[in-house]
Amino acid sequence: MERKGRVRGLVRAPRRTTIGRTLERFSRAITDWVGTSWAFGCALVVIVVWALTGPLFGFSDTWQLVINTGTTIVTFLMVFLIQRAQNNDARAIHLKLNEIVAAVHGASNRLINVEDLTEDEVRLLHRHYERLVALARESGDLTRSHSVEDAAARHALKLQRPEDEPAS
């Protein structure tokens, strides 16, 4: 029997409020629409109409304020929509990469959820992989794939001269 709050071994996502779901659907729909040619066309029409009305309003300060205010509001809202879209895309990419790392035999599981590590932990991992590349360059086999630990052990074995090897 499954425990309450679990779905096939996964923890169920927290329940969202009606307003939260509504805002999510609305922001997704707006994000999808503003990336279309129609949205660009609408923005272009607004700018052209504004420019054409300049002589009608004598290119007044109010006329300029209208476009400045409108573009500022749109820009402000778009920053949040762009960030939301980037967060969703990044989360999906990370999940796909985590699945690949988890599924590939010999891949280092330390890379699963690497995006959640601190900057210092990421730098440490980067140094490990720099070391792996250096070992691969030394051996001349850049296409061979293995962990840092395996690479160091294999490299040490490669450096042993035949006379250093124990007699069998």
N, C-alpha and C. Protein backbone atom coordinates (compact mmCIF):
# COMPACT_ATOMS: atom_id res chain seq x y z
N MET A 1 0.84 -1.18 0.00
CA MET A 1 0.00 0.00 0.00
C MET A 1 0.89 1.25 0.00
N GLU A 2 0.52 2.21 -0.87
CA GLU A 2 1.32 3.43 -0.96
C GLU A 2 0.98 4.36 0.19
N ARG A 3 2.00 5.02 0.70
CA ARG A 3 1.77 6.00 1.75
C ARG A 3 1.12 7.22 1.15
N LYS A 4 0.33 7.89 1.97
CA LYS A 4 -0.33 9.12 1.51
C LYS A 4 0.75 10.15 1.15
N GLY A 5 0.57 10.84 0.01
CA GLY A 5 1.54 11.85 -0.40
C GLY A 5 2.61 11.30 -1.31
N ARG A 6 2.56 10.00 -1.63
CA ARG A 6 3.57 9.42 -2.53
C ARG A 6 2.88 8.90 -3.78
N VAL A 7 3.53 9.06 -4.89
CA VAL A 7 3.03 8.54 -6.15
C VAL A 7 4.14 7.70 -6.76
N ARG A 8 3.96 6.39 -6.76
CA ARG A 8 4.94 5.46 -7.33
C ARG A 8 6.37 5.77 -6.90
N GLY A 9 6.56 5.96 -5.63
CA GLY A 9 7.90 6.17 -5.10
C GLY A 9 8.35 7.62 -5.11
N LEU A 10 7.59 8.50 -5.74
CA LEU A 10 7.96 9.91 -5.77
C LEU A 10 7.10 10.69 -4.80
N VAL A 11 7.67 11.72 -4.24
CA VAL A 11 6.90 12.58 -3.34
C VAL A 11 6.00 13.45 -4.19
N ARG A 12 4.75 13.50 -3.83
CA ARG A 12 3.77 14.29 -4.59
C ARG A 12 4.06 15.77 -4.44
N ALA A 13 3.86 16.52 -5.52
CA ALA A 13 4.06 17.96 -5.49
C ALA A 13 3.06 18.60 -4.53
N PRO A 14 3.46 19.68 -3.90
CA PRO A 14 2.54 20.34 -2.98
C PRO A 14 1.29 20.82 -3.73
N ARG A 15 0.15 20.79 -3.03
CA ARG A 15 -1.10 21.24 -3.65
C ARG A 15 -1.02 22.74 -3.89
N ARG A 16 -1.51 23.14 -5.05
CA ARG A 16 -1.48 24.55 -5.40
C ARG A 16 -2.87 25.13 -5.19
N THR A 17 -2.90 26.38 -4.85
CA THR A 17 -4.18 27.06 -4.68
C THR A 17 -4.80 27.33 -6.04
N THR A 18 -6.07 27.63 -6.04
CA THR A 18 -6.76 27.94 -7.29
C THR A 18 -6.13 29.15 -7.97
N ILE A 19 -5.80 30.16 -7.20
CA ILE A 19 -5.19 31.35 -7.80
C ILE A 19 -3.79 31.03 -8.34
N GLY A 20 -3.06 30.15 -7.64
CA GLY A 20 -1.74 29.75 -8.12
C GLY A 20 -1.82 29.02 -9.45
N ARG A 21 -2.78 28.10 -9.57
CA ARG A 21 -2.96 27.37 -10.83
C ARG A 21 -3.41 28.31 -11.94
N THR A 22 -4.29 29.24 -11.60
CA THR A 22 -4.78 30.20 -12.60
C THR A 22 -3.64 31.09 -13.09
N LEU A 23 -2.83 31.59 -12.16
CA LEU A 23 -1.69 32.42 -12.55
C LEU A 23 -0.69 31.63 -13.40
N GLU A 24 -0.48 30.36 -13.05
CA GLU A 24 0.44 29.52 -13.82
C GLU A 24 -0.07 29.33 -15.25
N ARG A 25 -1.34 29.00 -15.39
CA ARG A 25 -1.91 28.83 -16.74
C ARG A 25 -1.85 30.13 -17.54
N PHE A 26 -2.19 31.24 -16.89
CA PHE A 26 -2.19 32.54 -17.55
C PHE A 26 -0.77 32.92 -17.99
N SER A 27 0.20 32.77 -17.09
CA SER A 27 1.57 33.14 -17.44
C SER A 27 2.13 32.23 -18.53
N ARG A 28 1.77 30.96 -18.50
CA ARG A 28 2.22 30.04 -19.56
C ARG A 28 1.62 30.46 -20.91
N ALA A 29 0.33 30.81 -20.91
CA ALA A 29 -0.32 31.23 -22.16
C ALA A 29 0.29 32.53 -22.69
N ILE A 30 0.54 33.49 -21.80
CA ILE A 30 1.15 34.75 -22.23
C ILE A 30 2.57 34.50 -22.74
N THR A 31 3.34 33.67 -22.02
CA THR A 31 4.70 33.35 -22.45
C THR A 31 4.70 32.72 -23.83
N ASP A 32 3.79 31.79 -24.06
CA ASP A 32 3.70 31.16 -25.38
C ASP A 32 3.32 32.17 -26.45
N TRP A 33 2.40 33.08 -26.12
CA TRP A 33 1.94 34.02 -27.14
C TRP A 33 2.99 35.08 -27.47
N VAL A 34 3.67 35.63 -26.45
CA VAL A 34 4.61 36.73 -26.73
C VAL A 34 5.82 36.27 -27.54
N GLY A 35 6.01 34.98 -27.66
CA GLY A 35 7.10 34.48 -28.49
C GLY A 35 6.71 34.25 -29.94
N THR A 36 5.53 34.73 -30.33
CA THR A 36 5.05 34.51 -31.69
C THR A 36 5.29 35.73 -32.57
N SER A 37 5.16 35.52 -33.87
CA SER A 37 5.26 36.62 -34.82
C SER A 37 4.09 37.59 -34.66
N TRP A 38 2.93 37.07 -34.26
CA TRP A 38 1.77 37.94 -34.05
C TRP A 38 2.04 38.94 -32.94
N ALA A 39 2.68 38.52 -31.88
CA ALA A 39 2.99 39.43 -30.78
C ALA A 39 3.95 40.52 -31.26
N PHE A 40 4.96 40.13 -32.02
CA PHE A 40 5.89 41.12 -32.57
C PHE A 40 5.14 42.08 -33.48
N GLY A 41 4.24 41.53 -34.31
CA GLY A 41 3.45 42.38 -35.21
C GLY A 41 2.60 43.38 -34.44
N CYS A 42 1.98 42.93 -33.35
CA CYS A 42 1.17 43.83 -32.52
C CYS A 42 2.03 44.93 -31.92
N ALA A 43 3.19 44.57 -31.42
CA ALA A 43 4.10 45.57 -30.83
C ALA A 43 4.54 46.57 -31.89
N LEU A 44 4.82 46.09 -33.07
CA LEU A 44 5.23 46.96 -34.17
C LEU A 44 4.10 47.92 -34.54
N VAL A 45 2.87 47.42 -34.60
CA VAL A 45 1.71 48.27 -34.91
C VAL A 45 1.54 49.35 -33.85
N VAL A 46 1.69 49.00 -32.59
CA VAL A 46 1.57 49.99 -31.51
C VAL A 46 2.60 51.09 -31.68
N ILE A 47 3.83 50.74 -31.99
CA ILE A 47 4.89 51.73 -32.18
C ILE A 47 4.60 52.61 -33.39
N VAL A 48 4.16 52.00 -34.49
CA VAL A 48 3.87 52.77 -35.71
C VAL A 48 2.71 53.74 -35.45
N VAL A 49 1.64 53.24 -34.80
CA VAL A 49 0.50 54.12 -34.49
C VAL A 49 0.95 55.25 -33.57
N TRP A 50 1.74 54.94 -32.58
CA TRP A 50 2.25 55.97 -31.67
C TRP A 50 3.06 57.01 -32.45
N ALA A 51 3.95 56.56 -33.33
CA ALA A 51 4.79 57.48 -34.10
C ALA A 51 3.93 58.35 -35.03
N LEU A 52 2.92 57.74 -35.64
CA LEU A 52 2.06 58.49 -36.56
C LEU A 52 1.19 59.52 -35.85
N THR A 53 0.90 59.28 -34.58
CA THR A 53 0.08 60.24 -33.83
C THR A 53 0.92 61.38 -33.26
N GLY A 54 2.23 61.29 -33.40
CA GLY A 54 3.11 62.35 -32.90
C GLY A 54 2.73 63.74 -33.39
N PRO A 55 2.57 63.94 -34.72
CA PRO A 55 2.20 65.28 -35.21
C PRO A 55 0.82 65.72 -34.68
N LEU A 56 -0.09 64.74 -34.51
CA LEU A 56 -1.43 65.06 -34.02
C LEU A 56 -1.37 65.65 -32.61
N PHE A 57 -0.46 65.12 -31.78
CA PHE A 57 -0.32 65.59 -30.40
C PHE A 57 0.84 66.57 -30.24
N GLY A 58 1.40 67.01 -31.36
CA GLY A 58 2.48 68.00 -31.32
C GLY A 58 3.74 67.47 -30.65
N PHE A 59 3.95 66.16 -30.73
CA PHE A 59 5.13 65.54 -30.11
C PHE A 59 5.31 66.01 -28.67
N SER A 60 4.20 66.10 -27.97
CA SER A 60 4.20 66.65 -26.60
C SER A 60 4.87 65.69 -25.63
N ASP A 61 5.10 66.22 -24.42
CA ASP A 61 5.67 65.40 -23.35
C ASP A 61 4.71 64.28 -22.97
N THR A 62 3.41 64.56 -22.99
CA THR A 62 2.42 63.54 -22.65
C THR A 62 2.46 62.42 -23.69
N TRP A 63 2.58 62.79 -24.96
CA TRP A 63 2.67 61.80 -26.05
C TRP A 63 3.87 60.88 -25.82
N GLN A 64 5.01 61.45 -25.44
CA GLN A 64 6.20 60.65 -25.16
C GLN A 64 6.02 59.81 -23.89
N LEU A 65 5.36 60.40 -22.91
CA LEU A 65 5.14 59.69 -21.64
C LEU A 65 4.29 58.44 -21.84
N VAL A 66 3.34 58.50 -22.75
CA VAL A 66 2.48 57.34 -23.01
C VAL A 66 3.31 56.14 -23.45
N ILE A 67 4.20 56.32 -24.42
CA ILE A 67 4.99 55.19 -24.91
C ILE A 67 6.02 54.76 -23.87
N ASN A 68 6.61 55.72 -23.17
CA ASN A 68 7.59 55.37 -22.14
C ASN A 68 6.95 54.57 -21.02
N THR A 69 5.78 54.98 -20.58
CA THR A 69 5.08 54.26 -19.51
C THR A 69 4.67 52.87 -19.97
N GLY A 70 4.10 52.81 -21.17
CA GLY A 70 3.67 51.51 -21.71
C GLY A 70 4.81 50.53 -21.86
N THR A 71 5.92 50.98 -22.43
CA THR A 71 7.06 50.06 -22.63
C THR A 71 7.70 49.68 -21.30
N THR A 72 7.70 50.59 -20.34
CA THR A 72 8.25 50.26 -19.02
C THR A 72 7.42 49.18 -18.34
N ILE A 73 6.11 49.31 -18.40
CA ILE A 73 5.23 48.31 -17.78
C ILE A 73 5.39 46.95 -18.46
N VAL A 74 5.40 46.96 -19.79
CA VAL A 74 5.55 45.70 -20.53
C VAL A 74 6.91 45.07 -20.21
N THR A 75 7.95 45.86 -20.19
CA THR A 75 9.29 45.34 -19.88
C THR A 75 9.34 44.75 -18.48
N PHE A 76 8.75 45.43 -17.52
CA PHE A 76 8.72 44.96 -16.14
C PHE A 76 8.06 43.59 -16.06
N LEU A 77 6.89 43.44 -16.70
CA LEU A 77 6.18 42.16 -16.66
C LEU A 77 6.93 41.08 -17.44
N MET A 78 7.55 41.44 -18.55
CA MET A 78 8.26 40.47 -19.37
C MET A 78 9.47 39.88 -18.63
N VAL A 79 10.10 40.67 -17.79
CA VAL A 79 11.25 40.15 -17.02
C VAL A 79 10.81 38.93 -16.21
N PHE A 80 9.65 39.00 -15.59
CA PHE A 80 9.17 37.89 -14.77
C PHE A 80 8.76 36.70 -15.64
N LEU A 81 8.14 36.98 -16.78
CA LEU A 81 7.76 35.88 -17.67
C LEU A 81 8.99 35.18 -18.25
N ILE A 82 9.99 35.96 -18.62
CA ILE A 82 11.22 35.37 -19.16
C ILE A 82 11.91 34.54 -18.10
N GLN A 83 12.00 35.05 -16.87
CA GLN A 83 12.63 34.30 -15.79
C GLN A 83 11.88 33.02 -15.51
N ARG A 84 10.55 33.06 -15.52
CA ARG A 84 9.74 31.87 -15.30
C ARG A 84 10.02 30.83 -16.38
N ALA A 85 10.05 31.28 -17.63
CA ALA A 85 10.30 30.34 -18.74
C ALA A 85 11.70 29.74 -18.63
N GLN A 86 12.68 30.56 -18.29
CA GLN A 86 14.04 30.05 -18.14
C GLN A 86 14.15 29.06 -16.98
N ASN A 87 13.47 29.35 -15.87
CA ASN A 87 13.48 28.42 -14.74
C ASN A 87 12.89 27.07 -15.12
N ASN A 88 11.76 27.09 -15.82
CA ASN A 88 11.13 25.84 -16.25
C ASN A 88 12.01 25.08 -17.22
N ASP A 89 12.60 25.78 -18.19
CA ASP A 89 13.47 25.13 -19.16
C ASP A 89 14.70 24.53 -18.47
N ALA A 90 15.31 25.30 -17.58
CA ALA A 90 16.49 24.80 -16.88
C ALA A 90 16.15 23.59 -16.03
N ARG A 91 15.01 23.63 -15.34
CA ARG A 91 14.59 22.50 -14.51
C ARG A 91 14.39 21.25 -15.36
N ALA A 92 13.74 21.41 -16.51
CA ALA A 92 13.51 20.27 -17.41
C ALA A 92 14.82 19.72 -17.95
N ILE A 93 15.73 20.59 -18.33
CA ILE A 93 17.03 20.14 -18.85
C ILE A 93 17.80 19.41 -17.77
N HIS A 94 17.79 19.95 -16.55
CA HIS A 94 18.50 19.29 -15.45
C HIS A 94 17.91 17.92 -15.16
N LEU A 95 16.59 17.81 -15.19
CA LEU A 95 15.96 16.50 -14.96
C LEU A 95 16.35 15.50 -16.05
N LYS A 96 16.37 15.95 -17.29
CA LYS A 96 16.76 15.05 -18.39
C LYS A 96 18.22 14.63 -18.24
N LEU A 97 19.08 15.57 -17.89
CA LEU A 97 20.49 15.22 -17.71
C LEU A 97 20.67 14.29 -16.51
N ASN A 98 19.92 14.53 -15.43
CA ASN A 98 19.99 13.64 -14.27
C ASN A 98 19.59 12.22 -14.67
N GLU A 99 18.55 12.11 -15.49
CA GLU A 99 18.11 10.79 -15.94
C GLU A 99 19.20 10.10 -16.76
N ILE A 100 19.86 10.85 -17.62
CA ILE A 100 20.93 10.26 -18.43
C ILE A 100 22.08 9.82 -17.55
N VAL A 101 22.50 10.68 -16.62
CA VAL A 101 23.61 10.33 -15.72
C VAL A 101 23.24 9.10 -14.91
N ALA A 102 22.01 9.05 -14.41
CA ALA A 102 21.59 7.91 -13.59
C ALA A 102 21.52 6.63 -14.41
N ALA A 103 21.20 6.73 -15.69
CA ALA A 103 20.99 5.55 -16.53
C ALA A 103 22.28 5.01 -17.16
N VAL A 104 23.27 5.86 -17.38
CA VAL A 104 24.48 5.44 -18.08
C VAL A 104 25.41 4.69 -17.13
N HIS A 105 25.74 3.48 -17.52
CA HIS A 105 26.66 2.67 -16.72
C HIS A 105 28.03 3.32 -16.70
N GLY A 106 28.59 3.48 -15.53
CA GLY A 106 29.92 4.05 -15.39
C GLY A 106 29.91 5.56 -15.21
N ALA A 107 28.76 6.20 -15.39
CA ALA A 107 28.69 7.65 -15.17
C ALA A 107 28.73 7.93 -13.68
N SER A 108 29.32 9.03 -13.32
CA SER A 108 29.45 9.38 -11.91
C SER A 108 28.14 9.96 -11.39
N ASN A 109 27.55 9.29 -10.40
CA ASN A 109 26.30 9.77 -9.82
C ASN A 109 26.47 11.06 -9.02
N ARG A 110 27.70 11.46 -8.78
CA ARG A 110 27.91 12.72 -8.06
C ARG A 110 27.44 13.90 -8.89
N LEU A 111 27.20 13.68 -10.18
CA LEU A 111 26.74 14.77 -11.03
C LEU A 111 25.22 14.93 -11.03
N ILE A 112 24.52 13.99 -10.43
CA ILE A 112 23.06 14.13 -10.34
C ILE A 112 22.77 15.30 -9.40
N ASN A 113 21.93 16.20 -9.85
CA ASN A 113 21.57 17.42 -9.12
C ASN A 113 22.77 18.30 -8.82
N VAL A 114 23.73 18.30 -9.70
CA VAL A 114 24.92 19.13 -9.50
C VAL A 114 24.55 20.61 -9.42
N GLU A 115 23.42 20.99 -10.01
CA GLU A 115 23.00 22.40 -9.96
C GLU A 115 22.64 22.84 -8.56
N ASP A 116 22.43 21.90 -7.64
CA ASP A 116 22.10 22.25 -6.26
C ASP A 116 23.33 22.37 -5.36
N LEU A 117 24.50 22.10 -5.90
CA LEU A 117 25.72 22.19 -5.10
C LEU A 117 26.11 23.66 -4.89
N THR A 118 26.93 23.88 -3.88
CA THR A 118 27.45 25.24 -3.65
C THR A 118 28.49 25.55 -4.71
N GLU A 119 28.84 26.81 -4.82
CA GLU A 119 29.86 27.20 -5.80
C GLU A 119 31.19 26.52 -5.51
N ASP A 120 31.53 26.39 -4.23
CA ASP A 120 32.79 25.73 -3.87
C ASP A 120 32.77 24.26 -4.28
N GLU A 121 31.63 23.58 -4.08
CA GLU A 121 31.53 22.17 -4.48
C GLU A 121 31.62 22.02 -6.00
N VAL A 122 31.02 22.94 -6.73
CA VAL A 122 31.10 22.90 -8.19
C VAL A 122 32.54 23.14 -8.65
N ARG A 123 33.22 24.07 -8.00
CA ARG A 123 34.64 24.32 -8.35
C ARG A 123 35.48 23.07 -8.09
N LEU A 124 35.22 22.38 -6.98
CA LEU A 124 35.95 21.16 -6.65
C LEU A 124 35.72 20.10 -7.73
N LEU A 125 34.46 19.91 -8.12
CA LEU A 125 34.17 18.95 -9.19
C LEU A 125 34.85 19.36 -10.49
N HIS A 126 34.84 20.66 -10.77
CA HIS A 126 35.50 21.15 -11.99
C HIS A 126 36.98 20.81 -11.97
N ARG A 127 37.62 20.97 -10.82
CA ARG A 127 39.04 20.61 -10.71
C ARG A 127 39.26 19.12 -10.95
N HIS A 128 38.34 18.29 -10.44
CA HIS A 128 38.45 16.85 -10.67
C HIS A 128 38.39 16.54 -12.17
N TYR A 129 37.46 17.19 -12.86
CA TYR A 129 37.32 16.91 -14.29
C TYR A 129 38.46 17.53 -15.10
N GLU A 130 39.01 18.63 -14.63
CA GLU A 130 40.22 19.15 -15.28
C GLU A 130 41.35 18.13 -15.16
N ARG A 131 41.43 17.50 -13.99
CA ARG A 131 42.45 16.47 -13.77
C ARG A 131 42.22 15.27 -14.69
N LEU A 132 40.96 14.89 -14.87
CA LEU A 132 40.62 13.79 -15.77
C LEU A 132 41.06 14.10 -17.20
N VAL A 133 40.81 15.32 -17.64
CA VAL A 133 41.22 15.73 -18.99
C VAL A 133 42.74 15.71 -19.10
N ALA A 134 43.42 16.19 -18.08
CA ALA A 134 44.88 16.19 -18.10
C ALA A 134 45.41 14.76 -18.20
N LEU A 135 44.82 13.85 -17.43
CA LEU A 135 45.25 12.45 -17.49
C LEU A 135 44.97 11.86 -18.87
N ALA A 136 43.84 12.20 -19.45
CA ALA A 136 43.51 11.70 -20.79
C ALA A 136 44.49 12.25 -21.82
N ARG A 137 44.86 13.51 -21.67
CA ARG A 137 45.82 14.10 -22.61
C ARG A 137 47.19 13.42 -22.48
N GLU A 138 47.58 13.13 -21.25
CA GLU A 138 48.87 12.46 -21.03
C GLU A 138 48.88 11.09 -21.67
N SER A 139 47.76 10.40 -21.59
CA SER A 139 47.71 9.05 -22.15
C SER A 139 47.48 9.07 -23.65
N GLY A 140 47.05 10.22 -24.18
CA GLY A 140 46.81 10.33 -25.61
C GLY A 140 45.46 9.77 -26.04
N ASP A 141 44.61 9.39 -25.10
CA ASP A 141 43.32 8.80 -25.43
C ASP A 141 42.21 9.69 -24.87
N LEU A 142 41.84 10.73 -25.63
CA LEU A 142 40.85 11.68 -25.16
C LEU A 142 39.42 11.15 -25.25
N THR A 143 39.22 10.05 -25.96
CA THR A 143 37.87 9.53 -26.14
C THR A 143 37.48 8.52 -25.07
N ARG A 144 38.41 8.09 -24.26
CA ARG A 144 38.10 7.11 -23.22
C ARG A 144 37.34 7.78 -22.08
N SER A 145 36.30 7.14 -21.60
CA SER A 145 35.45 7.72 -20.57
C SER A 145 35.56 6.91 -19.29
N HIS A 146 35.87 7.57 -18.19
CA HIS A 146 35.89 6.93 -16.89
C HIS A 146 35.88 7.99 -15.81
N SER A 147 35.72 7.55 -14.58
CA SER A 147 35.66 8.50 -13.47
C SER A 147 37.06 9.01 -13.15
N VAL A 148 37.12 10.05 -12.35
CA VAL A 148 38.41 10.61 -11.93
C VAL A 148 39.22 9.57 -11.18
N GLU A 149 38.55 8.83 -10.29
CA GLU A 149 39.25 7.83 -9.51
C GLU A 149 39.79 6.72 -10.42
N ASP A 150 38.96 6.25 -11.35
CA ASP A 150 39.41 5.23 -12.30
C ASP A 150 40.56 5.76 -13.15
N ALA A 151 40.44 7.01 -13.56
CA ALA A 151 41.48 7.60 -14.40
C ALA A 151 42.80 7.66 -13.66
N ALA A 152 42.77 8.06 -12.39
CA ALA A 152 44.00 8.15 -11.62
C ALA A 152 44.63 6.77 -11.43
N ALA A 153 43.80 5.77 -11.12
CA ALA A 153 44.32 4.41 -10.94
C ALA A 153 44.89 3.86 -12.24
N ARG A 154 44.17 4.06 -13.35
CA ARG A 154 44.66 3.59 -14.64
C ARG A 154 45.93 4.32 -15.05
N HIS A 155 45.97 5.60 -14.78
CA HIS A 155 47.15 6.38 -15.13
C HIS A 155 48.36 5.89 -14.34
N ALA A 156 48.15 5.61 -13.06
CA ALA A 156 49.25 5.11 -12.23
C ALA A 156 49.75 3.76 -12.77
N LEU A 157 48.83 2.91 -13.21
CA LEU A 157 49.22 1.63 -13.79
C LEU A 157 50.01 1.81 -15.08
N LYS A 158 49.61 2.79 -15.89
CA LYS A 158 50.30 3.06 -17.15
C LYS A 158 51.73 3.51 -16.91
N LEU A 159 51.91 4.25 -15.81
CA LEU A 159 53.24 4.79 -15.52
C LEU A 159 54.20 3.74 -14.97
N GLN A 160 53.66 2.62 -14.47
CA GLN A 160 54.53 1.57 -13.94
C GLN A 160 55.33 0.95 -15.09
N ARG A 161 56.59 0.83 -14.87
CA ARG A 161 57.43 0.16 -15.87
C ARG A 161 57.32 -1.33 -15.67
N PRO A 162 57.55 -2.12 -16.71
CA PRO A 162 57.45 -3.58 -16.58
C PRO A 162 58.26 -4.15 -15.44
N GLU A 163 59.43 -3.58 -15.15
CA GLU A 163 60.24 -4.14 -14.06
C GLU A 163 59.66 -3.81 -12.70
N ASP A 164 58.77 -2.77 -12.63
CA ASP A 164 58.13 -2.42 -11.37
C ASP A 164 56.97 -3.35 -11.04
N GLU A 165 56.43 -4.04 -12.05
CA GLU A 165 55.26 -4.88 -11.84
C GLU A 165 55.65 -6.13 -11.03
N PRO A 166 54.79 -6.53 -10.11
CA PRO A 166 55.10 -7.73 -9.33
C PRO A 166 55.09 -8.97 -10.23
N ALA A 167 55.94 -9.92 -9.89
CA ALA A 167 56.02 -11.17 -10.68
C ALA A 167 54.79 -12.00 -10.42
N SER A 168 54.26 -12.60 -11.49
CA SER A 168 53.06 -13.43 -11.34
C SER A 168 53.44 -14.87 -11.12
